[in-house]
PDB file of N, CA and C in Angstrom:
ATOM      1  N   MET A   1       0.852  -1.158   0.000  1.00  0.00           N
ATOM      2  CA  MET A   1       0.000   0.000   0.000  1.00  0.00           C
ATOM      3  C   MET A   1       0.896   1.218   0.000  1.00  0.00           C
ATOM      4  N   GLU A   2       0.509   2.203  -0.795  1.00  0.00           N
ATOM      5  CA  GLU A   2       1.235   3.467  -0.793  1.00  0.00           C
ATOM      6  C   GLU A   2       0.246   4.609  -0.957  1.00  0.00           C
ATOM      7  N   TRP A   3       0.548   5.719  -0.332  1.00  0.00           N
ATOM      8  CA  TRP A   3      -0.257   6.907  -0.563  1.00  0.00           C
ATOM      9  C   TRP A   3       0.284   7.575  -1.807  1.00  0.00           C
ATOM     10  N   ILE A   4      -0.601   8.226  -2.530  1.00  0.00           N
ATOM     11  CA  ILE A   4      -0.203   8.834  -3.797  1.00  0.00           C
ATOM     12  C   ILE A   4      -0.118  10.348  -3.701  1.00  0.00           C
ATOM     13  N   ASP A   5      -0.999  10.961  -2.933  1.00  0.00           N
ATOM     14  CA  ASP A   5      -1.089  12.416  -2.946  1.00  0.00           C
ATOM     15  C   ASP A   5      -0.283  13.135  -1.871  1.00  0.00           C
ATOM     16  N   ALA A   6      -0.303  12.685  -0.631  1.00  0.00           N
ATOM     17  CA  ALA A   6       0.374  13.399   0.455  1.00  0.00           C
ATOM     18  C   ALA A   6       0.672  12.433   1.594  1.00  0.00           C
ATOM     19  N   PRO A   7       1.788  12.630   2.300  1.00  0.00           N
ATOM     20  CA  PRO A   7       2.121  11.717   3.394  1.00  0.00           C
ATOM     21  C   PRO A   7       1.340  11.956   4.678  1.00  0.00           C
ATOM     22  N   VAL A   8       0.715  13.119   4.829  1.00  0.00           N
ATOM     23  CA  VAL A   8      -0.065  13.422   6.020  1.00  0.00           C
ATOM     24  C   VAL A   8      -1.533  13.513   5.619  1.00  0.00           C
ATOM     25  N   LYS A   9      -2.361  12.639   6.199  1.00  0.00           N
ATOM     26  CA  LYS A   9      -3.789  12.533   5.889  1.00  0.00           C
ATOM     27  C   LYS A   9      -4.062  12.470   4.381  1.00  0.00           C
ATOM     28  N   PRO A  10      -3.445  11.541   3.696  1.00  0.00           N
ATOM     29  CA  PRO A  10      -3.696  11.405   2.256  1.00  0.00           C
ATOM     30  C   PRO A  10      -5.111  10.891   2.001  1.00  0.00           C
ATOM     31  N   ILE A  11      -5.588  11.100   0.769  1.00  0.00           N
ATOM     32  CA  ILE A  11      -6.915  10.597   0.399  1.00  0.00           C
ATOM     33  C   ILE A  11      -6.861   9.715  -0.851  1.00  0.00           C
ATOM     34  N   GLU A  12      -5.679   9.585  -1.442  1.00  0.00           N
ATOM     35  CA  GLU A  12      -5.546   8.741  -2.621  1.00  0.00           C
ATOM     36  C   GLU A  12      -4.439   7.711  -2.371  1.00  0.00           C
ATOM     37  N   PHE A  13      -4.787   6.438  -2.578  1.00  0.00           N
ATOM     38  CA  PHE A  13      -3.882   5.338  -2.256  1.00  0.00           C
ATOM     39  C   PHE A  13      -3.810   4.343  -3.418  1.00  0.00           C
ATOM     40  N   ARG A  14      -2.763   3.543  -3.405  1.00  0.00           N
ATOM     41  CA  ARG A  14      -2.629   2.433  -4.355  1.00  0.00           C
ATOM     42  C   ARG A  14      -2.270   1.186  -3.553  1.00  0.00           C
ATOM     43  N   ILE A  15      -3.025   0.124  -3.789  1.00  0.00           N
ATOM     44  CA  ILE A  15      -2.743  -1.161  -3.152  1.00  0.00           C
ATOM     45  C   ILE A  15      -2.390  -2.139  -4.257  1.00  0.00           C
ATOM     46  N   THR A  16      -1.263  -2.805  -4.113  1.00  0.00           N
ATOM     47  CA  THR A  16      -0.836  -3.819  -5.071  1.00  0.00           C
ATOM     48  C   THR A  16      -0.875  -5.165  -4.366  1.00  0.00           C
ATOM     49  N   LEU A  17      -1.566  -6.130  -4.970  1.00  0.00           N
ATOM     50  CA  LEU A  17      -1.704  -7.460  -4.378  1.00  0.00           C
ATOM     51  C   LEU A  17      -0.978  -8.488  -5.231  1.00  0.00           C
ATOM     52  N   ASN A  18      -0.503  -9.533  -4.594  1.00  0.00           N
ATOM     53  CA  ASN A  18       0.191 -10.617  -5.281  1.00  0.00           C
ATOM     54  C   ASN A  18      -0.825 -11.490  -6.013  1.00  0.00           C
ATOM     55  N   SER A  19      -0.726 -11.555  -7.310  1.00  0.00           N
ATOM     56  CA  SER A  19      -1.697 -12.317  -8.107  1.00  0.00           C
ATOM     57  C   SER A  19      -1.549 -13.825  -7.936  1.00  0.00           C
ATOM     58  N   LYS A  20      -0.494 -14.276  -7.279  1.00  0.00           N
ATOM     59  CA  LYS A  20      -0.296 -15.714  -7.069  1.00  0.00           C
ATOM     60  C   LYS A  20      -0.984 -16.218  -5.806  1.00  0.00           C
ATOM     61  N   PHE A  21      -1.470 -15.289  -4.973  1.00  0.00           N
ATOM     62  CA  PHE A  21      -2.170 -15.700  -3.758  1.00  0.00           C
ATOM     63  C   PHE A  21      -3.515 -16.319  -4.122  1.00  0.00           C
ATOM     64  N   LYS A  22      -3.966 -17.243  -3.283  1.00  0.00           N
ATOM     65  CA  LYS A  22      -5.322 -17.769  -3.421  1.00  0.00           C
ATOM     66  C   LYS A  22      -6.294 -16.692  -2.952  1.00  0.00           C
ATOM     67  N   LYS A  23      -7.561 -16.878  -3.248  1.00  0.00           N
ATOM     68  CA  LYS A  23      -8.567 -15.850  -2.973  1.00  0.00           C
ATOM     69  C   LYS A  23      -8.610 -15.456  -1.497  1.00  0.00           C
ATOM     70  N   ARG A  24      -8.568 -16.444  -0.602  1.00  0.00           N
ATOM     71  CA  ARG A  24      -8.636 -16.136   0.834  1.00  0.00           C
ATOM     72  C   ARG A  24      -7.458 -15.255   1.252  1.00  0.00           C
ATOM     73  N   GLN A  25      -6.245 -15.632   0.857  1.00  0.00           N
ATOM     74  CA  GLN A  25      -5.065 -14.851   1.236  1.00  0.00           C
ATOM     75  C   GLN A  25      -5.090 -13.472   0.587  1.00  0.00           C
ATOM     76  N   THR A  26      -5.593 -13.387  -0.629  1.00  0.00           N
ATOM     77  CA  THR A  26      -5.707 -12.093  -1.297  1.00  0.00           C
ATOM     78  C   THR A  26      -6.643 -11.176  -0.523  1.00  0.00           C
ATOM     79  N   LEU A  27      -7.795 -11.703  -0.097  1.00  0.00           N
ATOM     80  CA  LEU A  27      -8.749 -10.886   0.653  1.00  0.00           C
ATOM     81  C   LEU A  27      -8.204 -10.481   2.018  1.00  0.00           C
ATOM     82  N   ILE A  28      -7.481 -11.381   2.677  1.00  0.00           N
ATOM     83  CA  ILE A  28      -6.877 -11.036   3.974  1.00  0.00           C
ATOM     84  C   ILE A  28      -5.791  -9.984   3.784  1.00  0.00           C
ATOM     85  N   SER A  29      -4.985 -10.124   2.734  1.00  0.00           N
ATOM     86  CA  SER A  29      -3.956  -9.121   2.445  1.00  0.00           C
ATOM     87  C   SER A  29      -4.589  -7.766   2.139  1.00  0.00           C
ATOM     88  N   LEU A  30      -5.678  -7.788   1.373  1.00  0.00           N
ATOM     89  CA  LEU A  30      -6.382  -6.545   1.073  1.00  0.00           C
ATOM     90  C   LEU A  30      -6.911  -5.903   2.358  1.00  0.00           C
ATOM     91  N   ALA A  31      -7.471  -6.705   3.235  1.00  0.00           N
ATOM     92  CA  ALA A  31      -7.969  -6.180   4.512  1.00  0.00           C
ATOM     93  C   ALA A  31      -6.835  -5.564   5.323  1.00  0.00           C
ATOM     94  N   HIS A  32      -5.684  -6.225   5.360  1.00  0.00           N
ATOM     95  CA  HIS A  32      -4.512  -5.709   6.082  1.00  0.00           C
ATOM     96  C   HIS A  32      -4.102  -4.348   5.509  1.00  0.00           C
ATOM     97  N   GLU A  33      -4.018  -4.270   4.192  1.00  0.00           N
ATOM     98  CA  GLU A  33      -3.605  -3.019   3.555  1.00  0.00           C
ATOM     99  C   GLU A  33      -4.655  -1.929   3.733  1.00  0.00           C
ATOM    100  N   MET A  34      -5.930  -2.307   3.759  1.00  0.00           N
ATOM    101  CA  MET A  34      -6.979  -1.321   4.011  1.00  0.00           C
ATOM    102  C   MET A  34      -6.882  -0.760   5.432  1.00  0.00           C
ATOM    103  N   ALA A  35      -6.391  -1.561   6.370  1.00  0.00           N
ATOM    104  CA  ALA A  35      -6.159  -1.051   7.722  1.00  0.00           C
ATOM    105  C   ALA A  35      -5.087   0.044   7.678  1.00  0.00           C
ATOM    106  N   HIS A  36      -4.056  -0.151   6.846  1.00  0.00           N
ATOM    107  CA  HIS A  36      -3.035   0.892   6.689  1.00  0.00           C
ATOM    108  C   HIS A  36      -3.623   2.138   6.023  1.00  0.00           C
ATOM    109  N   VAL A  37      -4.526   1.947   5.065  1.00  0.00           N
ATOM    110  CA  VAL A  37      -5.199   3.096   4.444  1.00  0.00           C
ATOM    111  C   VAL A  37      -5.920   3.895   5.524  1.00  0.00           C
ATOM    112  N   LYS A  38      -6.653   3.210   6.392  1.00  0.00           N
ATOM    113  CA  LYS A  38      -7.351   3.879   7.491  1.00  0.00           C
ATOM    114  C   LYS A  38      -6.366   4.635   8.382  1.00  0.00           C
ATOM    115  N   GLN A  39      -5.227   4.008   8.679  1.00  0.00           N
ATOM    116  CA  GLN A  39      -4.233   4.640   9.551  1.00  0.00           C
ATOM    117  C   GLN A  39      -3.722   5.950   8.952  1.00  0.00           C
ATOM    118  N   TYR A  40      -3.395   5.924   7.667  1.00  0.00           N
ATOM    119  CA  TYR A  40      -2.910   7.141   6.999  1.00  0.00           C
ATOM    120  C   TYR A  40      -4.020   8.179   6.872  1.00  0.00           C
ATOM    121  N   ALA A  41      -5.206   7.755   6.435  1.00  0.00           N
ATOM    122  CA  ALA A  41      -6.300   8.695   6.197  1.00  0.00           C
ATOM    123  C   ALA A  41      -6.732   9.409   7.473  1.00  0.00           C
ATOM    124  N   LYS A  42      -6.645   8.718   8.609  1.00  0.00           N
ATOM    125  CA  LYS A  42      -7.033   9.330   9.885  1.00  0.00           C
ATOM    126  C   LYS A  42      -5.876  10.043  10.574  1.00  0.00           C
ATOM    127  N   GLY A  43      -4.680   9.992   9.981  1.00  0.00           N
ATOM    128  CA  GLY A  43      -3.528  10.659  10.575  1.00  0.00           C
ATOM    129  C   GLY A  43      -2.886   9.887  11.706  1.00  0.00           C
ATOM    130  N   GLU A  44      -3.260   8.623  11.882  1.00  0.00           N
ATOM    131  CA  GLU A  44      -2.645   7.797  12.929  1.00  0.00           C
ATOM    132  C   GLU A  44      -1.208   7.443  12.542  1.00  0.00           C
ATOM    133  N   LEU A  45      -0.995   7.240  11.246  1.00  0.00           N
ATOM    134  CA  LEU A  45       0.319   6.876  10.711  1.00  0.00           C
ATOM    135  C   LEU A  45       0.749   7.967   9.751  1.00  0.00           C
ATOM    136  N   THR A  46       1.943   8.517   9.960  1.00  0.00           N
ATOM    137  CA  THR A  46       2.471   9.533   9.052  1.00  0.00           C
ATOM    138  C   THR A  46       3.908   9.190   8.687  1.00  0.00           C
ATOM    139  N   ASP A  47       4.253   9.547   7.486  1.00  0.00           N
ATOM    140  CA  ASP A  47       5.588   9.304   6.936  1.00  0.00           C
ATOM    141  C   ASP A  47       5.930  10.550   6.130  1.00  0.00           C
ATOM    142  N   GLU A  48       6.272  11.618   6.837  1.00  0.00           N
ATOM    143  CA  GLU A  48       6.346  12.932   6.219  1.00  0.00           C
ATOM    144  C   GLU A  48       7.443  13.087   5.176  1.00  0.00           C
ATOM    145  N   THR A  49       8.623  12.599   5.456  1.00  0.00           N
ATOM    146  CA  THR A  49       9.720  12.677   4.482  1.00  0.00           C
ATOM    147  C   THR A  49      10.596  11.450   4.655  1.00  0.00           C
ATOM    148  N   THR A  50      11.483  11.259   3.722  1.00  0.00           N
ATOM    149  CA  THR A  50      12.406  10.122   3.853  1.00  0.00           C
ATOM    150  C   THR A  50      13.431  10.372   4.957  1.00  0.00           C
ATOM    151  N   ARG A  51      13.585  11.627   5.376  1.00  0.00           N
ATOM    152  CA  ARG A  51      14.556  11.948   6.424  1.00  0.00           C
ATOM    153  C   ARG A  51      13.954  11.928   7.823  1.00  0.00           C
ATOM    154  N   SER A  52      12.632  12.028   7.937  1.00  0.00           N
ATOM    155  CA  SER A  52      12.021  12.036   9.257  1.00  0.00           C
ATOM    156  C   SER A  52      11.437  10.659   9.566  1.00  0.00           C
ATOM    157  N   PRO A  53      11.385  10.324  10.839  1.00  0.00           N
ATOM    158  CA  PRO A  53      10.865   8.991  11.189  1.00  0.00           C
ATOM    159  C   PRO A  53       9.366   8.875  10.959  1.00  0.00           C
ATOM    160  N   VAL A  54       8.935   7.669  10.744  1.00  0.00           N
ATOM    161  CA  VAL A  54       7.511   7.372  10.691  1.00  0.00           C
ATOM    162  C   VAL A  54       6.945   7.686  12.069  1.00  0.00           C
ATOM    163  N   LYS A  55       5.720   8.196  12.100  1.00  0.00           N
ATOM    164  CA  LYS A  55       5.080   8.491  13.387  1.00  0.00           C
ATOM    165  C   LYS A  55       3.792   7.696  13.497  1.00  0.00           C
ATOM    166  N   TRP A  56       3.602   7.120  14.669  1.00  0.00           N
ATOM    167  CA  TRP A  56       2.369   6.408  14.992  1.00  0.00           C
ATOM    168  C   TRP A  56       1.703   7.181  16.111  1.00  0.00           C
ATOM    169  N   ASN A  57       0.524   7.724  15.840  1.00  0.00           N
ATOM    170  CA  ASN A  57      -0.186   8.569  16.803  1.00  0.00           C
ATOM    171  C   ASN A  57       0.715   9.676  17.326  1.00  0.00           C
ATOM    172  N   ARG A  58       1.409  10.309  16.385  1.00  0.00           N
ATOM    173  CA  ARG A  58       2.293  11.466  16.624  1.00  0.00           C
ATOM    174  C   ARG A  58       3.600  11.135  17.345  1.00  0.00           C
ATOM    175  N   VAL A  59       3.856   9.866  17.618  1.00  0.00           N
ATOM    176  CA  VAL A  59       5.086   9.464  18.304  1.00  0.00           C
ATOM    177  C   VAL A  59       6.037   8.847  17.284  1.00  0.00           C
ATOM    178  N   PRO A  60       7.280   9.362  17.182  1.00  0.00           N
ATOM    179  CA  PRO A  60       8.235   8.785  16.234  1.00  0.00           C
ATOM    180  C   PRO A  60       8.489   7.303  16.528  1.00  0.00           C
ATOM    181  N   VAL A  61       8.586   6.520  15.460  1.00  0.00           N
ATOM    182  CA  VAL A  61       8.826   5.079  15.582  1.00  0.00           C
ATOM    183  C   VAL A  61      10.180   4.773  14.950  1.00  0.00           C
ATOM    184  N   PRO A  62      11.159   4.348  15.750  1.00  0.00           N
ATOM    185  CA  PRO A  62      12.475   4.013  15.188  1.00  0.00           C
ATOM    186  C   PRO A  62      12.431   2.645  14.492  1.00  0.00           C
ATOM    187  N   GLU A  63      11.994   2.636  13.240  1.00  0.00           N
ATOM    188  CA  GLU A  63      11.791   1.381  12.513  1.00  0.00           C
ATOM    189  C   GLU A  63      13.046   0.519  12.441  1.00  0.00           C
ATOM    190  N   ASP A  64      14.205   1.150  12.443  1.00  0.00           N
ATOM    191  CA  ASP A  64      15.455   0.387  12.358  1.00  0.00           C
ATOM    192  C   ASP A  64      15.805  -0.306  13.676  1.00  0.00           C
ATOM    193  N   LYS A  65      15.084   0.026  14.750  1.00  0.00           N
ATOM    194  CA  LYS A  65      15.365  -0.570  16.056  1.00  0.00           C
ATOM    195  C   LYS A  65      14.250  -1.487  16.542  1.00  0.00           C
ATOM    196  N   ILE A  66      13.173  -1.587  15.755  1.00  0.00           N
ATOM    197  CA  ILE A  66      12.024  -2.409  16.162  1.00  0.00           C
ATOM    198  C   ILE A  66      11.794  -3.463  15.102  1.00  0.00           C
ATOM    199  N   ASP A  67      11.614  -4.689  15.528  1.00  0.00           N
ATOM    200  CA  ASP A  67      11.316  -5.779  14.601  1.00  0.00           C
ATOM    201  C   ASP A  67       9.994  -5.490  13.893  1.00  0.00           C
ATOM    202  N   TYR A  68       9.900  -5.859  12.625  1.00  0.00           N
ATOM    203  CA  TYR A  68       8.691  -5.636  11.828  1.00  0.00           C
ATOM    204  C   TYR A  68       7.432  -6.082  12.569  1.00  0.00           C
ATOM    205  N   TRP A  69       7.476  -7.249  13.176  1.00  0.00           N
ATOM    206  CA  TRP A  69       6.301  -7.813  13.842  1.00  0.00           C
ATOM    207  C   TRP A  69       5.891  -7.026  15.077  1.00  0.00           C
ATOM    208  N   ASP A  70       6.780  -6.172  15.581  1.00  0.00           N
ATOM    209  CA  ASP A  70       6.490  -5.385  16.771  1.00  0.00           C
ATOM    210  C   ASP A  70       6.144  -3.923  16.472  1.00  0.00           C
ATOM    211  N   LEU A  71       6.137  -3.551  15.184  1.00  0.00           N
ATOM    212  CA  LEU A  71       5.772  -2.182  14.833  1.00  0.00           C
ATOM    213  C   LEU A  71       4.296  -1.956  15.178  1.00  0.00           C
ATOM    214  N   PRO A  72       3.968  -0.872  15.863  1.00  0.00           N
ATOM    215  CA  PRO A  72       2.590  -0.691  16.337  1.00  0.00           C
ATOM    216  C   PRO A  72       1.553  -0.639  15.220  1.00  0.00           C
ATOM    217  N   TYR A  73       1.898  -0.082  14.071  1.00  0.00           N
ATOM    218  CA  TYR A  73       0.924  -0.013  12.972  1.00  0.00           C
ATOM    219  C   TYR A  73       0.756  -1.360  12.286  1.00  0.00           C
ATOM    220  N   GLU A  74       1.756  -2.228  12.360  1.00  0.00           N
ATOM    221  CA  GLU A  74       1.606  -3.589  11.835  1.00  0.00           C
ATOM    222  C   GLU A  74       0.773  -4.439  12.795  1.00  0.00           C
ATOM    223  N   ILE A  75       0.979  -4.252  14.084  1.00  0.00           N
ATOM    224  CA  ILE A  75       0.161  -4.963  15.072  1.00  0.00           C
ATOM    225  C   ILE A  75      -1.308  -4.575  14.888  1.00  0.00           C
ATOM    226  N   ASP A  76      -1.571  -3.296  14.697  1.00  0.00           N
ATOM    227  CA  ASP A  76      -2.935  -2.816  14.481  1.00  0.00           C
ATOM    228  C   ASP A  76      -3.524  -3.433  13.210  1.00  0.00           C
ATOM    229  N   ALA A  77      -2.785  -3.412  12.107  1.00  0.00           N
ATOM    230  CA  ALA A  77      -3.294  -3.948  10.835  1.00  0.00           C
ATOM    231  C   ALA A  77      -3.532  -5.451  10.925  1.00  0.00           C
ATOM    232  N   ARG A  78      -2.604  -6.174  11.555  1.00  0.00           N
ATOM    233  CA  ARG A  78      -2.800  -7.622  11.693  1.00  0.00           C
ATOM    234  C   ARG A  78      -3.985  -7.931  12.595  1.00  0.00           C
ATOM    235  N   GLY A  79      -4.212  -7.092  13.578  1.00  0.00           N
ATOM    236  CA  GLY A  79      -5.343  -7.303  14.472  1.00  0.00           C
ATOM    237  C   GLY A  79      -6.688  -7.066  13.796  1.00  0.00           C
ATOM    238  N   ARG A  80      -6.700  -6.325  12.715  1.00  0.00           N
ATOM    239  CA  ARG A  80      -7.939  -6.007  12.008  1.00  0.00           C
ATOM    240  C   ARG A  80      -8.202  -6.904  10.807  1.00  0.00           C
ATOM    241  N   GLU A  81      -7.169  -7.512  10.239  1.00  0.00           N
ATOM    242  CA  GLU A  81      -7.320  -8.200   8.948  1.00  0.00           C
ATOM    243  C   GLU A  81      -8.327  -9.347   8.971  1.00  0.00           C
ATOM    244  N   GLU A  82      -8.283 -10.205   9.966  1.00  0.00           N
ATOM    245  CA  GLU A  82      -9.213 -11.338  10.012  1.00  0.00           C
ATOM    246  C   GLU A  82     -10.653 -10.862  10.214  1.00  0.00           C
ATOM    247  N   GLY A  83     -10.842  -9.900  11.095  1.00  0.00           N
ATOM    248  CA  GLY A  83     -12.185  -9.382  11.329  1.00  0.00           C
ATOM    249  C   GLY A  83     -12.764  -8.737  10.081  1.00  0.00           C
ATOM    250  N   LEU A  84     -11.960  -7.966   9.377  1.00  0.00           N
ATOM    251  CA  LEU A  84     -12.424  -7.353   8.136  1.00  0.00           C
ATOM    252  C   LEU A  84     -12.745  -8.421   7.093  1.00  0.00           C
ATOM    253  N   TYR A  85     -11.920  -9.446   7.044  1.00  0.00           N
ATOM    254  CA  TYR A  85     -12.143 -10.552   6.105  1.00  0.00           C
ATOM    255  C   TYR A  85     -13.493 -11.222   6.389  1.00  0.00           C
ATOM    256  N   TYR A  86     -13.762 -11.555   7.636  1.00  0.00           N
ATOM    257  CA  TYR A  86     -15.023 -12.212   7.976  1.00  0.00           C
ATOM    258  C   TYR A  86     -16.221 -11.281   7.782  1.00  0.00           C
ATOM    259  N   ARG A  87     -16.050  -9.994   8.044  1.00  0.00           N
ATOM    260  CA  ARG A  87     -17.132  -9.032   7.791  1.00  0.00           C
ATOM    261  C   ARG A  87     -17.447  -8.971   6.298  1.00  0.00           C
ATOM    262  N   PHE A  88     -16.400  -9.053   5.471  1.00  0.00           N
ATOM    263  CA  PHE A  88     -16.599  -9.073   4.022  1.00  0.00           C
ATOM    264  C   PHE A  88     -17.420 -10.300   3.625  1.00  0.00           C
ATOM    265  N   LEU A  89     -17.050 -11.458   4.164  1.00  0.00           N
ATOM    266  CA  LEU A  89     -17.779 -12.689   3.837  1.00  0.00           C
ATOM    267  C   LEU A  89     -19.232 -12.615   4.297  1.00  0.00           C
ATOM    268  N   GLU A  90     -19.478 -11.977   5.427  1.00  0.00           N
ATOM    269  CA  GLU A  90     -20.857 -11.795   5.894  1.00  0.00           C
ATOM    270  C   GLU A  90     -21.642 -10.877   4.957  1.00  0.00           C
ATOM    271  N   ALA A  91     -20.986  -9.823   4.491  1.00  0.00           N
ATOM    272  CA  ALA A  91     -21.658  -8.851   3.627  1.00  0.00           C
ATOM    273  C   ALA A  91     -21.889  -9.389   2.216  1.00  0.00           C
ATOM    274  N   TYR A  92     -21.015 -10.295   1.785  1.00  0.00           N
ATOM    275  CA  TYR A  92     -21.107 -10.862   0.436  1.00  0.00           C
ATOM    276  C   TYR A  92     -21.139 -12.390   0.522  1.00  0.00           C
ATOM    277  N   PRO A  93     -22.264 -12.945   0.963  1.00  0.00           N
ATOM    278  CA  PRO A  93     -22.339 -14.391   1.183  1.00  0.00           C
ATOM    279  C   PRO A  93     -22.194 -15.225  -0.093  1.00  0.00           C
ATOM    280  N   ASN A  94     -22.362 -14.627  -1.247  1.00  0.00           N
ATOM    281  CA  ASN A  94     -22.233 -15.379  -2.499  1.00  0.00           C
ATOM    282  C   ASN A  94     -20.781 -15.512  -2.973  1.00  0.00           C
ATOM    283  N   VAL A  95     -19.843 -14.839  -2.302  1.00  0.00           N
ATOM    284  CA  VAL A  95     -18.433 -14.980  -2.663  1.00  0.00           C
ATOM    285  C   VAL A  95     -17.958 -16.341  -2.166  1.00  0.00           C
ATOM    286  N   ARG A  96     -17.437 -17.133  -3.074  1.00  0.00           N
ATOM    287  CA  ARG A  96     -16.983 -18.476  -2.709  1.00  0.00           C
ATOM    288  C   ARG A  96     -15.485 -18.434  -2.372  1.00  0.00           C
ATOM    289  N   VAL A  97     -15.212 -18.699  -1.110  1.00  0.00           N
ATOM    290  CA  VAL A  97     -13.833 -18.722  -0.613  1.00  0.00           C
ATOM    291  C   VAL A  97     -13.707 -19.914   0.306  1.00  0.00           C
ATOM    292  N   HIS A  98     -12.697 -20.722   0.083  1.00  0.00           N
ATOM    293  CA  HIS A  98     -12.452 -21.835   1.008  1.00  0.00           C
ATOM    294  C   HIS A  98     -11.720 -21.273   2.201  1.00  0.00           C
ATOM    295  N   SER A  99     -12.353 -21.318   3.339  1.00  0.00           N
ATOM    296  CA  SER A  99     -11.739 -20.783   4.544  1.00  0.00           C
ATOM    297  C   SER A  99     -12.126 -21.641   5.730  1.00  0.00           C
ATOM    298  N   PRO A 100     -11.336 -21.566   6.785  1.00  0.00           N
ATOM    299  CA  PRO A 100     -11.675 -22.325   7.988  1.00  0.00           C
ATOM    300  C   PRO A 100     -12.921 -21.735   8.637  1.00  0.00           C
ATOM    301  N   PRO A 101     -13.607 -22.493   9.449  1.00  0.00           N
ATOM    302  CA  PRO A 101     -14.803 -21.964  10.132  1.00  0.00           C
ATOM    303  C   PRO A 101     -14.436 -20.818  11.038  1.00  0.00           C
ATOM    304  N   LYS A 102     -15.421 -19.968  11.282  1.00  0.00           N
ATOM    305  CA  LYS A 102     -15.204 -18.822  12.174  1.00  0.00           C
ATOM    306  C   LYS A 102     -14.859 -19.316  13.582  1.00  0.00           C
ATOM    307  N   PRO A 103     -14.021 -18.543  14.276  1.00  0.00           N
ATOM    308  CA  PRO A 103     -13.669 -18.921  15.667  1.00  0.00           C
ATOM    309  C   PRO A 103     -14.848 -18.795  16.603  1.00  0.00           C
TER     310      PRO A 103
END
């Protein structure tokens, strides 16, 4: 996912998905990236310049010192992806996706 227009509260984004993923993984990846869209659009996540650190809720995040899995905006996106995926399936019951039963 990338913002196209501005790094602070952007409104135009591009999401690129891997065409080799199966439908379920594609939808989960899309949900994850849409969580990042929400983060940028609401100003929770900012990446103002290549010289300044990424900020999560206005707090600088030293990405070079934090493991990817521990980045707060990745934790947030991963926490939302499954729920968004299942909400999509509820909203569009005719979409055929092989997935495990709901928890």
